[in-house]
Amino acid sequence: MGIKKILVVDDSPTDRYLLADILGRNGFEVDTAGNGKEAIEKIRLNRPQLVLMDVVMPGKNGFQITRLITRDPVMKDIPVMICSIKDQETDRIWALSQGACEYIVKPVNGQELLSKIAAIG
């Protein structure tokens, strides 16, 4: 099938822009959200094929939103890749235990991101 439609969730406008730019230049349809509440609304409305989720955000963090997505009967089939500055093995393990399918560390290497997306889709 291949992933074409991605939602980037990050409270940093700069990170949202950088990720959307990498993805857009490589043929992906990209939407963005600045927090978890907005992300849930956009997921329900637009049904992305992948969610690229930051961890540290105001309100509910990315781990909490990932858990919500992956345990919701309507959204659970949408894969979530965590994209975070947090680079500890415990963060990776916790992300996967919350339902994330993959984990990538910022600053993001474009080729690594594309490779991980290709492996998911």
PDB file of N, CA and C in Angstrom:
ATOM      1  N   MET A   1       0.825  -1.180   0.000  1.00  0.00           N
ATOM      2  CA  MET A   1       0.000   0.000   0.000  1.00  0.00           C
ATOM      3  C   MET A   1       0.870   1.245   0.000  1.00  0.00           C
ATOM      4  N   GLY A   2       1.782   1.393   0.940  1.00  0.00           N
ATOM      5  CA  GLY A   2       2.641   2.558   1.026  1.00  0.00           C
ATOM      6  C   GLY A   2       1.963   3.720   1.720  1.00  0.00           C
ATOM      7  N   ILE A   3       2.680   4.361   2.591  1.00  0.00           N
ATOM      8  CA  ILE A   3       2.153   5.499   3.340  1.00  0.00           C
ATOM      9  C   ILE A   3       2.308   6.761   2.495  1.00  0.00           C
ATOM     10  N   LYS A   4       1.240   7.523   2.394  1.00  0.00           N
ATOM     11  CA  LYS A   4       1.266   8.780   1.645  1.00  0.00           C
ATOM     12  C   LYS A   4       0.810   9.970   2.493  1.00  0.00           C
ATOM     13  N   LYS A   5      -0.056   9.725   3.476  1.00  0.00           N
ATOM     14  CA  LYS A   5      -0.699  10.792   4.248  1.00  0.00           C
ATOM     15  C   LYS A   5      -0.210  10.741   5.697  1.00  0.00           C
ATOM     16  N   ILE A   6       0.513  11.788   6.121  1.00  0.00           N
ATOM     17  CA  ILE A   6       1.147  11.794   7.441  1.00  0.00           C
ATOM     18  C   ILE A   6       0.723  13.026   8.231  1.00  0.00           C
ATOM     19  N   LEU A   7       0.435  12.813   9.515  1.00  0.00           N
ATOM     20  CA  LEU A   7       0.157  13.910  10.442  1.00  0.00           C
ATOM     21  C   LEU A   7       1.379  14.095  11.331  1.00  0.00           C
ATOM     22  N   VAL A   8       1.953  15.293  11.316  1.00  0.00           N
ATOM     23  CA  VAL A   8       3.094  15.643  12.165  1.00  0.00           C
ATOM     24  C   VAL A   8       2.554  16.393  13.382  1.00  0.00           C
ATOM     25  N   VAL A   9       2.826  15.856  14.578  1.00  0.00           N
ATOM     26  CA  VAL A   9       2.336  16.459  15.821  1.00  0.00           C
ATOM     27  C   VAL A   9       3.531  16.937  16.639  1.00  0.00           C
ATOM     28  N   ASP A  10       3.652  18.254  16.786  1.00  0.00           N
ATOM     29  CA  ASP A  10       4.781  18.829  17.514  1.00  0.00           C
ATOM     30  C   ASP A  10       4.399  20.238  17.946  1.00  0.00           C
ATOM     31  N   ASP A  11       4.738  20.620  19.178  1.00  0.00           N
ATOM     32  CA  ASP A  11       4.412  21.964  19.642  1.00  0.00           C
ATOM     33  C   ASP A  11       5.383  23.013  19.117  1.00  0.00           C
ATOM     34  N   SER A  12       6.494  22.590  18.547  1.00  0.00           N
ATOM     35  CA  SER A  12       7.473  23.528  17.994  1.00  0.00           C
ATOM     36  C   SER A  12       7.156  23.830  16.526  1.00  0.00           C
ATOM     37  N   PRO A  13       6.836  25.086  16.210  1.00  0.00           N
ATOM     38  CA  PRO A  13       6.577  25.431  14.805  1.00  0.00           C
ATOM     39  C   PRO A  13       7.775  25.114  13.903  1.00  0.00           C
ATOM     40  N   THR A  14       8.977  25.299  14.430  1.00  0.00           N
ATOM     41  CA  THR A  14      10.181  25.014  13.646  1.00  0.00           C
ATOM     42  C   THR A  14      10.282  23.531  13.320  1.00  0.00           C
ATOM     43  N   ASP A  15      10.081  22.671  14.319  1.00  0.00           N
ATOM     44  CA  ASP A  15      10.146  21.225  14.078  1.00  0.00           C
ATOM     45  C   ASP A  15       9.031  20.770  13.144  1.00  0.00           C
ATOM     46  N   ARG A  16       7.831  21.320  13.316  1.00  0.00           N
ATOM     47  CA  ARG A  16       6.736  20.982  12.400  1.00  0.00           C
ATOM     48  C   ARG A  16       7.114  21.338  10.971  1.00  0.00           C
ATOM     49  N   TYR A  17       7.672  22.529  10.795  1.00  0.00           N
ATOM     50  CA  TYR A  17       8.067  22.977   9.462  1.00  0.00           C
ATOM     51  C   TYR A  17       9.147  22.071   8.866  1.00  0.00           C
ATOM     52  N   LEU A  18      10.190  21.779   9.652  1.00  0.00           N
ATOM     53  CA  LEU A  18      11.294  20.955   9.147  1.00  0.00           C
ATOM     54  C   LEU A  18      10.825  19.558   8.747  1.00  0.00           C
ATOM     55  N   LEU A  19      10.012  18.943   9.582  1.00  0.00           N
ATOM     56  CA  LEU A  19       9.511  17.603   9.271  1.00  0.00           C
ATOM     57  C   LEU A  19       8.572  17.633   8.068  1.00  0.00           C
ATOM     58  N   ALA A  20       7.671  18.617   8.038  1.00  0.00           N
ATOM     59  CA  ALA A  20       6.749  18.733   6.906  1.00  0.00           C
ATOM     60  C   ALA A  20       7.505  18.989   5.607  1.00  0.00           C
ATOM     61  N   ASP A  21       8.588  19.755   5.681  1.00  0.00           N
ATOM     62  CA  ASP A  21       9.402  20.040   4.501  1.00  0.00           C
ATOM     63  C   ASP A  21      10.070  18.768   3.974  1.00  0.00           C
ATOM     64  N   ILE A  22      10.691  18.010   4.854  1.00  0.00           N
ATOM     65  CA  ILE A  22      11.327  16.742   4.446  1.00  0.00           C
ATOM     66  C   ILE A  22      10.292  15.833   3.792  1.00  0.00           C
ATOM     67  N   LEU A  23       9.163  15.676   4.458  1.00  0.00           N
ATOM     68  CA  LEU A  23       8.126  14.764   3.961  1.00  0.00           C
ATOM     69  C   LEU A  23       7.505  15.278   2.663  1.00  0.00           C
ATOM     70  N   GLY A  24       7.192  16.559   2.615  1.00  0.00           N
ATOM     71  CA  GLY A  24       6.579  17.142   1.428  1.00  0.00           C
ATOM     72  C   GLY A  24       7.476  17.035   0.202  1.00  0.00           C
ATOM     73  N   ARG A  25       8.776  17.283   0.386  1.00  0.00           N
ATOM     74  CA  ARG A  25       9.727  17.180  -0.726  1.00  0.00           C
ATOM     75  C   ARG A  25       9.869  15.752  -1.230  1.00  0.00           C
ATOM     76  N   ASN A  26       9.418  14.803  -0.423  1.00  0.00           N
ATOM     77  CA  ASN A  26       9.513  13.395  -0.813  1.00  0.00           C
ATOM     78  C   ASN A  26       8.154  12.796  -1.168  1.00  0.00           C
ATOM     79  N   GLY A  27       7.204  13.656  -1.487  1.00  0.00           N
ATOM     80  CA  GLY A  27       5.941  13.200  -2.052  1.00  0.00           C
ATOM     81  C   GLY A  27       4.833  12.853  -1.081  1.00  0.00           C
ATOM     82  N   PHE A  28       5.031  13.141   0.196  1.00  0.00           N
ATOM     83  CA  PHE A  28       3.990  12.836   1.172  1.00  0.00           C
ATOM     84  C   PHE A  28       3.007  13.992   1.284  1.00  0.00           C
ATOM     85  N   GLU A  29       1.757  13.660   1.565  1.00  0.00           N
ATOM     86  CA  GLU A  29       0.740  14.648   1.895  1.00  0.00           C
ATOM     87  C   GLU A  29       0.839  14.848   3.404  1.00  0.00           C
ATOM     88  N   VAL A  30       1.135  16.076   3.830  1.00  0.00           N
ATOM     89  CA  VAL A  30       1.421  16.333   5.246  1.00  0.00           C
ATOM     90  C   VAL A  30       0.417  17.316   5.840  1.00  0.00           C
ATOM     91  N   ASP A  31      -0.065  16.947   7.037  1.00  0.00           N
ATOM     92  CA  ASP A  31      -0.873  17.852   7.846  1.00  0.00           C
ATOM     93  C   ASP A  31      -0.134  17.981   9.168  1.00  0.00           C
ATOM     94  N   THR A  32      -0.394  19.055   9.907  1.00  0.00           N
ATOM     95  CA  THR A  32       0.303  19.247  11.176  1.00  0.00           C
ATOM     96  C   THR A  32      -0.674  19.590  12.292  1.00  0.00           C
ATOM     97  N   ALA A  33      -0.234  19.313  13.516  1.00  0.00           N
ATOM     98  CA  ALA A  33      -0.981  19.662  14.723  1.00  0.00           C
ATOM     99  C   ALA A  33       0.025  20.123  15.771  1.00  0.00           C
ATOM    100  N   GLY A  34      -0.362  21.131  16.560  1.00  0.00           N
ATOM    101  CA  GLY A  34       0.539  21.690  17.553  1.00  0.00           C
ATOM    102  C   GLY A  34       0.415  21.105  18.946  1.00  0.00           C
ATOM    103  N   ASN A  35      -0.578  20.221  19.147  1.00  0.00           N
ATOM    104  CA  ASN A  35      -0.753  19.593  20.465  1.00  0.00           C
ATOM    105  C   ASN A  35      -1.596  18.324  20.306  1.00  0.00           C
ATOM    106  N   GLY A  36      -1.725  17.596  21.400  1.00  0.00           N
ATOM    107  CA  GLY A  36      -2.438  16.323  21.353  1.00  0.00           C
ATOM    108  C   GLY A  36      -3.916  16.450  21.045  1.00  0.00           C
ATOM    109  N   LYS A  37      -4.561  17.465  21.594  1.00  0.00           N
ATOM    110  CA  LYS A  37      -6.002  17.657  21.354  1.00  0.00           C
ATOM    111  C   LYS A  37      -6.261  17.908  19.871  1.00  0.00           C
ATOM    112  N   GLU A  38      -5.463  18.790  19.289  1.00  0.00           N
ATOM    113  CA  GLU A  38      -5.597  19.077  17.863  1.00  0.00           C
ATOM    114  C   GLU A  38      -5.289  17.826  17.026  1.00  0.00           C
ATOM    115  N   ALA A  39      -4.307  17.048  17.470  1.00  0.00           N
ATOM    116  CA  ALA A  39      -3.940  15.820  16.751  1.00  0.00           C
ATOM    117  C   ALA A  39      -5.107  14.842  16.697  1.00  0.00           C
ATOM    118  N   ILE A  40      -5.762  14.619  17.831  1.00  0.00           N
ATOM    119  CA  ILE A  40      -6.896  13.682  17.884  1.00  0.00           C
ATOM    120  C   ILE A  40      -8.009  14.155  16.952  1.00  0.00           C
ATOM    121  N   GLU A  41      -8.296  15.450  16.964  1.00  0.00           N
ATOM    122  CA  GLU A  41      -9.329  15.993  16.074  1.00  0.00           C
ATOM    123  C   GLU A  41      -8.972  15.751  14.610  1.00  0.00           C
ATOM    124  N   LYS A  42      -7.710  16.008  14.245  1.00  0.00           N
ATOM    125  CA  LYS A  42      -7.290  15.843  12.856  1.00  0.00           C
ATOM    126  C   LYS A  42      -7.240  14.372  12.444  1.00  0.00           C
ATOM    127  N   ILE A  43      -6.875  13.495  13.366  1.00  0.00           N
ATOM    128  CA  ILE A  43      -6.872  12.061  13.062  1.00  0.00           C
ATOM    129  C   ILE A  43      -8.286  11.593  12.760  1.00  0.00           C
ATOM    130  N   ARG A  44      -9.231  11.998  13.594  1.00  0.00           N
ATOM    131  CA  ARG A  44     -10.622  11.579  13.388  1.00  0.00           C
ATOM    132  C   ARG A  44     -11.207  12.161  12.107  1.00  0.00           C
ATOM    133  N   LEU A  45     -10.811  13.372  11.760  1.00  0.00           N
ATOM    134  CA  LEU A  45     -11.344  14.053  10.585  1.00  0.00           C
ATOM    135  C   LEU A  45     -10.678  13.590   9.276  1.00  0.00           C
ATOM    136  N   ASN A  46      -9.349  13.441   9.288  1.00  0.00           N
ATOM    137  CA  ASN A  46      -8.594  13.227   8.050  1.00  0.00           C
ATOM    138  C   ASN A  46      -7.988  11.835   7.865  1.00  0.00           C
ATOM    139  N   ARG A  47      -8.010  11.001   8.895  1.00  0.00           N
ATOM    140  CA  ARG A  47      -7.493   9.623   8.825  1.00  0.00           C
ATOM    141  C   ARG A  47      -6.117   9.523   8.145  1.00  0.00           C
ATOM    142  N   PRO A  48      -5.063  10.070   8.780  1.00  0.00           N
ATOM    143  CA  PRO A  48      -3.729   9.908   8.202  1.00  0.00           C
ATOM    144  C   PRO A  48      -3.315   8.442   8.223  1.00  0.00           C
ATOM    145  N   GLN A  49      -2.323   8.106   7.431  1.00  0.00           N
ATOM    146  CA  GLN A  49      -1.817   6.726   7.391  1.00  0.00           C
ATOM    147  C   GLN A  49      -0.666   6.520   8.366  1.00  0.00           C
ATOM    148  N   LEU A  50      -0.156   7.623   8.921  1.00  0.00           N
ATOM    149  CA  LEU A  50       0.918   7.583   9.918  1.00  0.00           C
ATOM    150  C   LEU A  50       0.864   8.866  10.718  1.00  0.00           C
ATOM    151  N   VAL A  51       1.150   8.752  12.024  1.00  0.00           N
ATOM    152  CA  VAL A  51       1.267   9.926  12.884  1.00  0.00           C
ATOM    153  C   VAL A  51       2.706   9.984  13.373  1.00  0.00           C
ATOM    154  N   LEU A  52       3.343  11.131  13.156  1.00  0.00           N
ATOM    155  CA  LEU A  52       4.697  11.389  13.641  1.00  0.00           C
ATOM    156  C   LEU A  52       4.543  12.259  14.882  1.00  0.00           C
ATOM    157  N   MET A  53       4.807  11.697  16.075  1.00  0.00           N
ATOM    158  CA  MET A  53       4.418  12.299  17.347  1.00  0.00           C
ATOM    159  C   MET A  53       5.612  12.732  18.201  1.00  0.00           C
ATOM    160  N   ASP A  54       5.636  14.018  18.562  1.00  0.00           N
ATOM    161  CA  ASP A  54       6.607  14.521  19.532  1.00  0.00           C
ATOM    162  C   ASP A  54       6.199  14.019  20.919  1.00  0.00           C
ATOM    163  N   VAL A  55       7.139  14.040  21.864  1.00  0.00           N
ATOM    164  CA  VAL A  55       6.814  13.612  23.224  1.00  0.00           C
ATOM    165  C   VAL A  55       6.513  14.800  24.125  1.00  0.00           C
ATOM    166  N   VAL A  56       7.426  15.754  24.184  1.00  0.00           N
ATOM    167  CA  VAL A  56       7.295  16.867  25.124  1.00  0.00           C
ATOM    168  C   VAL A  56       6.418  17.954  24.508  1.00  0.00           C
ATOM    169  N   MET A  57       5.174  18.027  25.001  1.00  0.00           N
ATOM    170  CA  MET A  57       4.202  19.016  24.529  1.00  0.00           C
ATOM    171  C   MET A  57       3.359  19.470  25.712  1.00  0.00           C
ATOM    172  N   PRO A  58       2.767  20.663  25.608  1.00  0.00           N
ATOM    173  CA  PRO A  58       1.874  21.105  26.688  1.00  0.00           C
ATOM    174  C   PRO A  58       0.605  20.248  26.728  1.00  0.00           C
ATOM    175  N   GLY A  59      -0.010  20.193  27.896  1.00  0.00           N
ATOM    176  CA  GLY A  59      -1.203  19.340  28.032  1.00  0.00           C
ATOM    177  C   GLY A  59      -0.742  17.895  28.098  1.00  0.00           C
ATOM    178  N   LYS A  60      -1.425  17.032  27.384  1.00  0.00           N
ATOM    179  CA  LYS A  60      -1.032  15.623  27.361  1.00  0.00           C
ATOM    180  C   LYS A  60       0.226  15.465  26.512  1.00  0.00           C
ATOM    181  N   ASN A  61       1.164  14.668  27.010  1.00  0.00           N
ATOM    182  CA  ASN A  61       2.396  14.468  26.255  1.00  0.00           C
ATOM    183  C   ASN A  61       2.196  13.422  25.150  1.00  0.00           C
ATOM    184  N   GLY A  62       3.199  13.280  24.319  1.00  0.00           N
ATOM    185  CA  GLY A  62       3.112  12.366  23.185  1.00  0.00           C
ATOM    186  C   GLY A  62       2.912  10.910  23.570  1.00  0.00           C
ATOM    187  N   PHE A  63       3.453  10.494  24.706  1.00  0.00           N
ATOM    188  CA  PHE A  63       3.233   9.118  25.166  1.00  0.00           C
ATOM    189  C   PHE A  63       1.755   8.912  25.481  1.00  0.00           C
ATOM    190  N   GLN A  64       1.141   9.890  26.165  1.00  0.00           N
ATOM    191  CA  GLN A  64      -0.272   9.778  26.530  1.00  0.00           C
ATOM    192  C   GLN A  64      -1.165   9.781  25.284  1.00  0.00           C
ATOM    193  N   ILE A  65      -0.863  10.638  24.325  1.00  0.00           N
ATOM    194  CA  ILE A  65      -1.666  10.708  23.100  1.00  0.00           C
ATOM    195  C   ILE A  65      -1.478   9.433  22.275  1.00  0.00           C
ATOM    196  N   THR A  66      -0.255   8.915  22.242  1.00  0.00           N
ATOM    197  CA  THR A  66      -0.010   7.653  21.530  1.00  0.00           C
ATOM    198  C   THR A  66      -0.838   6.531  22.139  1.00  0.00           C
ATOM    199  N   ARG A  67      -0.841   6.453  23.454  1.00  0.00           N
ATOM    200  CA  ARG A  67      -1.630   5.423  24.148  1.00  0.00           C
ATOM    201  C   ARG A  67      -3.114   5.580  23.814  1.00  0.00           C
ATOM    202  N   LEU A  68      -3.600   6.809  23.801  1.00  0.00           N
ATOM    203  CA  LEU A  68      -5.000   7.079  23.466  1.00  0.00           C
ATOM    204  C   LEU A  68      -5.323   6.612  22.042  1.00  0.00           C
ATOM    205  N   ILE A  69      -4.456   6.937  21.090  1.00  0.00           N
ATOM    206  CA  ILE A  69      -4.670   6.552  19.692  1.00  0.00           C
ATOM    207  C   ILE A  69      -4.665   5.032  19.535  1.00  0.00           C
ATOM    208  N   THR A  70      -3.651   4.392  20.092  1.00  0.00           N
ATOM    209  CA  THR A  70      -3.476   2.949  19.852  1.00  0.00           C
ATOM    210  C   THR A  70      -4.458   2.078  20.626  1.00  0.00           C
ATOM    211  N   ARG A  71      -5.181   2.670  21.565  1.00  0.00           N
ATOM    212  CA  ARG A  71      -6.173   1.898  22.320  1.00  0.00           C
ATOM    213  C   ARG A  71      -7.605   2.258  21.944  1.00  0.00           C
ATOM    214  N   ASP A  72      -7.753   3.198  21.026  1.00  0.00           N
ATOM    215  CA  ASP A  72      -9.075   3.616  20.577  1.00  0.00           C
ATOM    216  C   ASP A  72      -9.509   2.732  19.411  1.00  0.00           C
ATOM    217  N   PRO A  73     -10.694   2.106  19.474  1.00  0.00           N
ATOM    218  CA  PRO A  73     -11.126   1.202  18.409  1.00  0.00           C
ATOM    219  C   PRO A  73     -11.162   1.837  17.016  1.00  0.00           C
ATOM    220  N   VAL A  74     -11.422   3.140  16.943  1.00  0.00           N
ATOM    221  CA  VAL A  74     -11.521   3.822  15.652  1.00  0.00           C
ATOM    222  C   VAL A  74     -10.141   4.190  15.086  1.00  0.00           C
ATOM    223  N   MET A  75      -9.179   4.467  15.967  1.00  0.00           N
ATOM    224  CA  MET A  75      -7.869   4.970  15.526  1.00  0.00           C
ATOM    225  C   MET A  75      -6.733   3.957  15.634  1.00  0.00           C
ATOM    226  N   LYS A  76      -6.966   2.826  16.286  1.00  0.00           N
ATOM    227  CA  LYS A  76      -5.865   1.933  16.640  1.00  0.00           C
ATOM    228  C   LYS A  76      -5.097   1.353  15.450  1.00  0.00           C
ATOM    229  N   ASP A  77      -5.686   1.402  14.255  1.00  0.00           N
ATOM    230  CA  ASP A  77      -4.991   0.863  13.081  1.00  0.00           C
ATOM    231  C   ASP A  77      -4.046   1.890  12.457  1.00  0.00           C
ATOM    232  N   ILE A  78      -3.986   3.096  12.994  1.00  0.00           N
ATOM    233  CA  ILE A  78      -3.082   4.132  12.474  1.00  0.00           C
ATOM    234  C   ILE A  78      -1.759   4.051  13.240  1.00  0.00           C
ATOM    235  N   PRO A  79      -0.662   3.741  12.557  1.00  0.00           N
ATOM    236  CA  PRO A  79       0.624   3.632  13.252  1.00  0.00           C
ATOM    237  C   PRO A  79       1.123   4.990  13.741  1.00  0.00           C
ATOM    238  N   VAL A  80       1.804   4.970  14.888  1.00  0.00           N
ATOM    239  CA  VAL A  80       2.376   6.172  15.486  1.00  0.00           C
ATOM    240  C   VAL A  80       3.883   5.974  15.614  1.00  0.00           C
ATOM    241  N   MET A  81       4.643   6.917  15.049  1.00  0.00           N
ATOM    242  CA  MET A  81       6.096   6.928  15.214  1.00  0.00           C
ATOM    243  C   MET A  81       6.434   8.102  16.123  1.00  0.00           C
ATOM    244  N   ILE A  82       7.124   7.815  17.214  1.00  0.00           N
ATOM    245  CA  ILE A  82       7.551   8.875  18.114  1.00  0.00           C
ATOM    246  C   ILE A  82       8.779   9.556  17.509  1.00  0.00           C
ATOM    247  N   CYS A  83       8.772  10.883  17.559  1.00  0.00           N
ATOM    248  CA  CYS A  83       9.877  11.699  17.056  1.00  0.00           C
ATOM    249  C   CYS A  83      10.234  12.670  18.173  1.00  0.00           C
ATOM    250  N   SER A  84      11.315  12.396  18.897  1.00  0.00           N
ATOM    251  CA  SER A  84      11.580  13.145  20.123  1.00  0.00           C
ATOM    252  C   SER A  84      13.056  13.475  20.300  1.00  0.00           C
ATOM    253  N   ILE A  85      13.307  14.515  21.061  1.00  0.00           N
ATOM    254  CA  ILE A  85      14.657  14.875  21.475  1.00  0.00           C
ATOM    255  C   ILE A  85      15.167  13.902  22.536  1.00  0.00           C
ATOM    256  N   LYS A  86      14.242  13.202  23.192  1.00  0.00           N
ATOM    257  CA  LYS A  86      14.599  12.260  24.266  1.00  0.00           C
ATOM    258  C   LYS A  86      15.297  11.042  23.655  1.00  0.00           C
ATOM    259  N   ASP A  87      16.543  10.828  24.062  1.00  0.00           N
ATOM    260  CA  ASP A  87      17.384   9.816  23.415  1.00  0.00           C
ATOM    261  C   ASP A  87      17.812   8.689  24.354  1.00  0.00           C
ATOM    262  N   GLN A  88      17.058   8.451  25.399  1.00  0.00           N
ATOM    263  CA  GLN A  88      17.386   7.369  26.324  1.00  0.00           C
ATOM    264  C   GLN A  88      16.683   6.075  25.908  1.00  0.00           C
ATOM    265  N   GLU A  89      17.308   4.967  26.158  1.00  0.00           N
ATOM    266  CA  GLU A  89      16.704   3.676  25.816  1.00  0.00           C
ATOM    267  C   GLU A  89      15.374   3.483  26.551  1.00  0.00           C
ATOM    268  N   THR A  90      15.285   4.008  27.783  1.00  0.00           N
ATOM    269  CA  THR A  90      14.026   3.886  28.533  1.00  0.00           C
ATOM    270  C   THR A  90      12.892   4.625  27.820  1.00  0.00           C
ATOM    271  N   ASP A  91      13.212   5.747  27.162  1.00  0.00           N
ATOM    272  CA  ASP A  91      12.189   6.484  26.403  1.00  0.00           C
ATOM    273  C   ASP A  91      11.696   5.649  25.226  1.00  0.00           C
ATOM    274  N   ARG A  92      12.609   4.999  24.541  1.00  0.00           N
ATOM    275  CA  ARG A  92      12.240   4.137  23.409  1.00  0.00           C
ATOM    276  C   ARG A  92      11.345   2.983  23.880  1.00  0.00           C
ATOM    277  N   ILE A  93      11.765   2.357  24.958  1.00  0.00           N
ATOM    278  CA  ILE A  93      11.003   1.219  25.486  1.00  0.00           C
ATOM    279  C   ILE A  93       9.609   1.678  25.915  1.00  0.00           C
ATOM    280  N   TRP A  94       9.536   2.822  26.607  1.00  0.00           N
ATOM    281  CA  TRP A  94       8.243   3.333  27.064  1.00  0.00           C
ATOM    282  C   TRP A  94       7.352   3.667  25.872  1.00  0.00           C
ATOM    283  N   ALA A  95       7.925   4.283  24.827  1.00  0.00           N
ATOM    284  CA  ALA A  95       7.152   4.629  23.626  1.00  0.00           C
ATOM    285  C   ALA A  95       6.549   3.383  23.000  1.00  0.00           C
ATOM    286  N   LEU A  96       7.347   2.350  22.862  1.00  0.00           N
ATOM    287  CA  LEU A  96       6.856   1.103  22.262  1.00  0.00           C
ATOM    288  C   LEU A  96       5.794   0.457  23.143  1.00  0.00           C
ATOM    289  N   SER A  97       5.962   0.554  24.454  1.00  0.00           N
ATOM    290  CA  SER A  97       4.966  -0.039  25.356  1.00  0.00           C
ATOM    291  C   SER A  97       3.645   0.741  25.330  1.00  0.00           C
ATOM    292  N   GLN A  98       3.688   2.009  24.890  1.00  0.00           N
ATOM    293  CA  GLN A  98       2.465   2.814  24.767  1.00  0.00           C
ATOM    294  C   GLN A  98       1.767   2.576  23.430  1.00  0.00           C
ATOM    295  N   GLY A  99       2.410   1.795  22.553  1.00  0.00           N
ATOM    296  CA  GLY A  99       1.794   1.457  21.276  1.00  0.00           C
ATOM    297  C   GLY A  99       2.485   2.015  20.049  1.00  0.00           C
ATOM    298  N   ALA A 100       3.538   2.808  20.240  1.00  0.00           N
ATOM    299  CA  ALA A 100       4.268   3.331  19.085  1.00  0.00           C
ATOM    300  C   ALA A 100       4.905   2.182  18.310  1.00  0.00           C
ATOM    301  N   CYS A 101       4.976   2.340  16.995  1.00  0.00           N
ATOM    302  CA  CYS A 101       5.568   1.291  16.166  1.00  0.00           C
ATOM    303  C   CYS A 101       7.042   1.559  15.879  1.00  0.00           C
ATOM    304  N   GLU A 102       7.489   2.798  16.128  1.00  0.00           N
ATOM    305  CA  GLU A 102       8.864   3.176  15.807  1.00  0.00           C
ATOM    306  C   GLU A 102       9.234   4.406  16.616  1.00  0.00           C
ATOM    307  N   TYR A 103      10.537   4.684  16.698  1.00  0.00           N
ATOM    308  CA  TYR A 103      11.044   5.811  17.478  1.00  0.00           C
ATOM    309  C   TYR A 103      12.216   6.414  16.729  1.00  0.00           C
ATOM    310  N   ILE A 104      12.216   7.731  16.558  1.00  0.00           N
ATOM    311  CA  ILE A 104      13.314   8.422  15.901  1.00  0.00           C
ATOM    312  C   ILE A 104      13.683   9.641  16.735  1.00  0.00           C
ATOM    313  N   VAL A 105      14.988   9.951  16.782  1.00  0.00           N
ATOM    314  CA  VAL A 105      15.485  11.019  17.638  1.00  0.00           C
ATOM    315  C   VAL A 105      15.748  12.286  16.823  1.00  0.00           C
ATOM    316  N   LYS A 106      15.385  13.431  17.404  1.00  0.00           N
ATOM    317  CA  LYS A 106      15.685  14.738  16.817  1.00  0.00           C
ATOM    318  C   LYS A 106      17.113  15.138  17.201  1.00  0.00           C
ATOM    319  N   PRO A 107      17.815  15.880  16.376  1.00  0.00           N
ATOM    320  CA  PRO A 107      17.378  16.334  15.064  1.00  0.00           C
ATOM    321  C   PRO A 107      17.289  15.159  14.097  1.00  0.00           C
ATOM    322  N   VAL A 108      16.239  15.166  13.301  1.00  0.00           N
ATOM    323  CA  VAL A 108      15.931  14.031  12.435  1.00  0.00           C
ATOM    324  C   VAL A 108      16.837  14.020  11.204  1.00  0.00           C
ATOM    325  N   ASN A 109      17.362  12.841  10.924  1.00  0.00           N
ATOM    326  CA  ASN A 109      18.075  12.610   9.670  1.00  0.00           C
ATOM    327  C   ASN A 109      17.015  12.226   8.641  1.00  0.00           C
ATOM    328  N   GLY A 110      16.916  12.996   7.569  1.00  0.00           N
ATOM    329  CA  GLY A 110      15.868  12.788   6.571  1.00  0.00           C
ATOM    330  C   GLY A 110      15.856  11.390   5.991  1.00  0.00           C
ATOM    331  N   GLN A 111      17.024  10.861   5.670  1.00  0.00           N
ATOM    332  CA  GLN A 111      17.100   9.517   5.076  1.00  0.00           C
ATOM    333  C   GLN A 111      16.645   8.446   6.073  1.00  0.00           C
ATOM    334  N   GLU A 112      17.032   8.613   7.338  1.00  0.00           N
ATOM    335  CA  GLU A 112      16.598   7.658   8.363  1.00  0.00           C
ATOM    336  C   GLU A 112      15.076   7.705   8.529  1.00  0.00           C
ATOM    337  N   LEU A 113      14.512   8.914   8.544  1.00  0.00           N
ATOM    338  CA  LEU A 113      13.057   9.070   8.659  1.00  0.00           C
ATOM    339  C   LEU A 113      12.348   8.381   7.501  1.00  0.00           C
ATOM    340  N   LEU A 114      12.794   8.640   6.288  1.00  0.00           N
ATOM    341  CA  LEU A 114      12.163   8.038   5.109  1.00  0.00           C
ATOM    342  C   LEU A 114      12.290   6.523   5.121  1.00  0.00           C
ATOM    343  N   SER A 115      13.431   6.035   5.568  1.00  0.00           N
ATOM    344  CA  SER A 115      13.649   4.588   5.650  1.00  0.00           C
ATOM    345  C   SER A 115      12.700   3.935   6.659  1.00  0.00           C
ATOM    346  N   LYS A 116      12.522   4.578   7.807  1.00  0.00           N
ATOM    347  CA  LYS A 116      11.622   4.032   8.830  1.00  0.00           C
ATOM    348  C   LYS A 116      10.166   4.065   8.356  1.00  0.00           C
ATOM    349  N   ILE A 117       9.785   5.138   7.647  1.00  0.00           N
ATOM    350  CA  ILE A 117       8.428   5.224   7.107  1.00  0.00           C
ATOM    351  C   ILE A 117       8.208   4.117   6.072  1.00  0.00           C
ATOM    352  N   ALA A 118       9.186   3.904   5.214  1.00  0.00           N
ATOM    353  CA  ALA A 118       9.078   2.852   4.206  1.00  0.00           C
ATOM    354  C   ALA A 118       8.926   1.474   4.845  1.00  0.00           C
ATOM    355  N   ALA A 119       9.619   1.248   5.959  1.00  0.00           N
ATOM    356  CA  ALA A 119       9.541  -0.038   6.656  1.00  0.00           C
ATOM    357  C   ALA A 119       8.164  -0.249   7.283  1.00  0.00           C
ATOM    358  N   ILE A 120       7.531   0.826   7.722  1.00  0.00           N
ATOM    359  CA  ILE A 120       6.197   0.723   8.319  1.00  0.00           C
ATOM    360  C   ILE A 120       5.150   0.446   7.236  1.00  0.00           C
ATOM    361  N   GLY A 121       5.275   1.160   6.122  1.00  0.00           N
ATOM    362  CA  GLY A 121       4.246   1.103   5.077  1.00  0.00           C
ATOM    363  C   GLY A 121       4.483   0.017   4.085  1.00  0.00           C
TER     364      GLY A 121
END
